[in-house]
Amino acid sequence: MRCTLPICLCALAVALPSPGWSQESPPDTGDTKVVPACFVGGGTHDVFGTIEQGRALREYPEGCGVVGVIWKVKVLPDRYSELYWDKPEEILLRVHREPSGISWERWTGVTRDAVLVEDFSDGFDFESYESGSGNPPLTDNMDRAIHGKRD
């Protein structure tokens, strides 16, 4: 049975320790190069803005190809958020899910050096930015990190 993105992420958010890292690699898909994925249990916070999100990006364990953070903030109890950084593709994706729908933001040119020098106090300022609503534009690496092998 294949799980849908919201169900998988809710299960993942509940299962992850907070705070701390859980490193998992998706299953080997044969022809496709698999990058290791690392998720941090963001948990529930009073505040989890771009400063805290940026800190999570900077503190991931070595060897992670996809870094993921899932969190909630107390003032928005019906909303949960996700942040995924596909390091090989240099793409950062932030997703907010709430009863009214899904919104997302995506940045490109997100290299390790760019993350290290970024001033997160004023948001994310990477090369290009786009936003939208509905299903988020996951990279293949993000999709495999979340769902594992696809048929």
Protein backbone atom coordinates (compact mmCIF):
# COMPACT_ATOMS: atom_id res chain seq x y z
CA MET A 1 0.00 0.00 0.00
CA ARG A 2 1.40 3.37 -1.00
CA CYS A 3 0.83 6.18 1.46
CA THR A 4 -0.12 9.66 0.39
CA LEU A 5 2.14 12.60 1.21
CA PRO A 6 0.04 14.10 4.05
CA ILE A 7 -0.45 10.71 5.72
CA CYS A 8 3.23 9.77 5.41
CA LEU A 9 4.37 13.12 6.76
CA CYS A 10 1.95 13.03 9.68
CA ALA A 11 3.19 9.55 10.56
CA LEU A 12 6.78 10.72 10.17
CA ALA A 13 6.22 13.78 12.34
CA VAL A 14 4.71 11.65 15.11
CA ALA A 15 7.42 8.99 14.88
CA LEU A 16 10.46 11.26 14.92
CA PRO A 17 12.24 12.14 18.15
CA SER A 18 12.39 15.74 19.19
CA PRO A 19 14.97 17.13 19.36
CA GLY A 20 17.50 14.98 17.56
CA TRP A 21 18.39 13.49 14.23
CA SER A 22 17.18 10.28 12.73
CA GLN A 23 19.17 9.25 9.68
CA GLU A 24 17.55 6.94 7.19
CA SER A 25 18.32 6.04 3.61
CA PRO A 26 15.53 5.25 1.19
CA PRO A 27 15.58 1.78 -0.37
CA ASP A 28 17.89 1.10 -3.30
CA THR A 29 15.92 1.63 -6.51
CA GLY A 30 18.42 -0.07 -8.80
CA ASP A 31 19.23 2.25 -11.69
CA THR A 32 18.56 5.47 -9.78
CA LYS A 33 21.21 6.94 -7.51
CA VAL A 34 19.78 7.12 -4.00
CA VAL A 35 20.86 9.98 -1.76
CA PRO A 36 20.72 9.53 2.04
CA ALA A 37 17.92 11.43 3.76
CA CYS A 38 18.09 12.92 7.25
CA PHE A 39 15.00 14.16 9.08
CA VAL A 40 14.94 16.18 12.26
CA GLY A 41 11.89 16.00 14.50
CA GLY A 42 10.98 19.66 14.67
CA GLY A 43 8.20 19.05 17.16
CA THR A 44 5.91 21.80 18.45
CA HIS A 45 7.37 25.21 19.29
CA ASP A 46 6.34 28.67 20.42
CA VAL A 47 8.31 30.02 17.45
CA PHE A 48 10.02 28.19 14.58
CA GLY A 49 10.87 30.93 12.10
CA THR A 50 13.54 31.16 9.44
CA ILE A 51 16.29 31.55 12.07
CA GLU A 52 15.38 28.18 13.62
CA GLN A 53 14.84 26.62 10.20
CA GLY A 54 18.22 27.89 9.01
CA ARG A 55 19.90 26.49 12.12
CA ALA A 56 18.42 23.07 11.31
CA LEU A 57 19.81 23.31 7.76
CA ARG A 58 23.27 24.18 9.07
CA GLU A 59 23.35 21.43 11.70
CA TYR A 60 22.44 18.36 9.64
CA PRO A 61 24.67 15.27 9.95
CA GLU A 62 27.37 14.56 7.37
CA GLY A 63 26.34 12.49 4.39
CA CYS A 64 22.76 13.74 4.05
CA GLY A 65 21.56 14.31 0.50
CA VAL A 66 18.09 15.45 1.54
CA VAL A 67 17.51 17.28 4.81
CA GLY A 68 13.95 17.42 6.15
CA VAL A 69 12.37 19.27 9.07
CA ILE A 70 8.72 18.94 10.16
CA TRP A 71 7.21 21.23 12.81
CA LYS A 72 4.17 22.94 14.29
CA VAL A 73 3.85 26.21 16.17
CA LYS A 74 1.49 26.56 19.12
CA VAL A 75 -0.27 29.68 17.81
CA LEU A 76 -1.35 27.79 14.65
CA PRO A 77 -2.47 24.40 16.02
CA ASP A 78 -4.16 23.25 12.79
CA ARG A 79 -1.11 23.91 10.61
CA TYR A 80 2.06 21.92 10.22
CA SER A 81 5.05 22.82 8.13
CA GLU A 82 7.85 21.01 6.35
CA LEU A 83 11.22 22.11 5.00
CA TYR A 84 13.20 19.98 2.55
CA TRP A 85 16.64 20.73 1.15
CA ASP A 86 17.73 18.60 -1.80
CA LYS A 87 21.47 19.27 -1.64
CA PRO A 88 22.47 17.60 -4.96
CA GLU A 89 19.76 19.57 -6.82
CA GLU A 90 20.37 22.73 -4.71
CA ILE A 91 16.64 23.20 -4.11
CA LEU A 92 14.91 24.24 -0.88
CA LEU A 93 11.17 23.66 -0.46
CA ARG A 94 9.00 24.90 2.41
CA VAL A 95 5.43 23.60 2.68
CA HIS A 96 2.60 24.72 4.98
CA ARG A 97 -0.40 22.41 5.38
CA GLU A 98 -3.60 23.56 7.02
CA PRO A 99 -7.32 22.74 6.72
CA SER A 100 -7.78 25.48 4.11
CA GLY A 101 -5.14 23.94 1.83
CA ILE A 102 -1.47 23.60 1.04
CA SER A 103 0.91 26.45 0.20
CA TRP A 104 4.57 26.13 -0.74
CA GLU A 105 7.69 28.17 -1.45
CA ARG A 106 10.70 27.00 -3.46
CA TRP A 107 14.21 28.38 -3.85
CA THR A 108 17.04 27.28 -6.18
CA GLY A 109 20.79 27.78 -5.93
CA VAL A 110 20.78 26.60 -2.33
CA THR A 111 24.35 25.37 -1.96
CA ARG A 112 26.11 24.48 1.30
CA ASP A 113 28.13 27.72 1.02
CA ALA A 114 24.94 29.75 0.47
CA VAL A 115 23.37 28.21 3.59
CA LEU A 116 26.49 28.97 5.66
CA VAL A 117 26.57 32.68 4.74
CA GLU A 118 22.80 33.33 4.65
CA ASP A 119 21.39 35.81 7.18
CA PHE A 120 18.22 33.97 8.16
CA SER A 121 16.95 36.86 10.31
CA ASP A 122 15.28 38.38 7.24
CA GLY A 123 13.99 35.18 5.62
CA PHE A 124 15.51 33.05 2.90
CA ASP A 125 17.30 35.03 0.17
CA PHE A 126 18.54 32.46 -2.33
CA GLU A 127 18.86 32.70 -6.15
CA SER A 128 15.32 32.28 -7.37
CA TYR A 129 11.99 32.10 -5.60
CA GLU A 130 8.59 30.82 -6.58
CA SER A 131 5.47 30.03 -4.60
CA GLY A 132 2.19 28.29 -5.15
CA SER A 133 -0.61 26.26 -3.68
CA GLY A 134 -1.66 22.65 -4.00
CA ASN A 135 0.72 19.74 -4.29
CA PRO A 136 4.29 20.90 -3.66
CA PRO A 137 6.87 20.44 -6.44
CA LEU A 138 9.02 17.72 -4.87
CA THR A 139 12.30 16.81 -6.53
CA ASP A 140 12.86 13.12 -7.29
CA ASN A 141 15.27 12.96 -4.33
CA MET A 142 12.68 14.51 -1.98
CA ASP A 143 10.00 12.16 -3.27
CA ARG A 144 12.19 9.08 -2.69
CA ALA A 145 13.20 10.35 0.77
CA ILE A 146 9.54 10.72 1.77
CA HIS A 147 7.96 7.77 -0.02
CA GLY A 148 10.83 5.34 -0.66
CA LYS A 149 10.88 3.23 -3.83
CA ARG A 150 8.26 4.08 -6.45
CA ASP A 151 6.73 1.47 -8.78
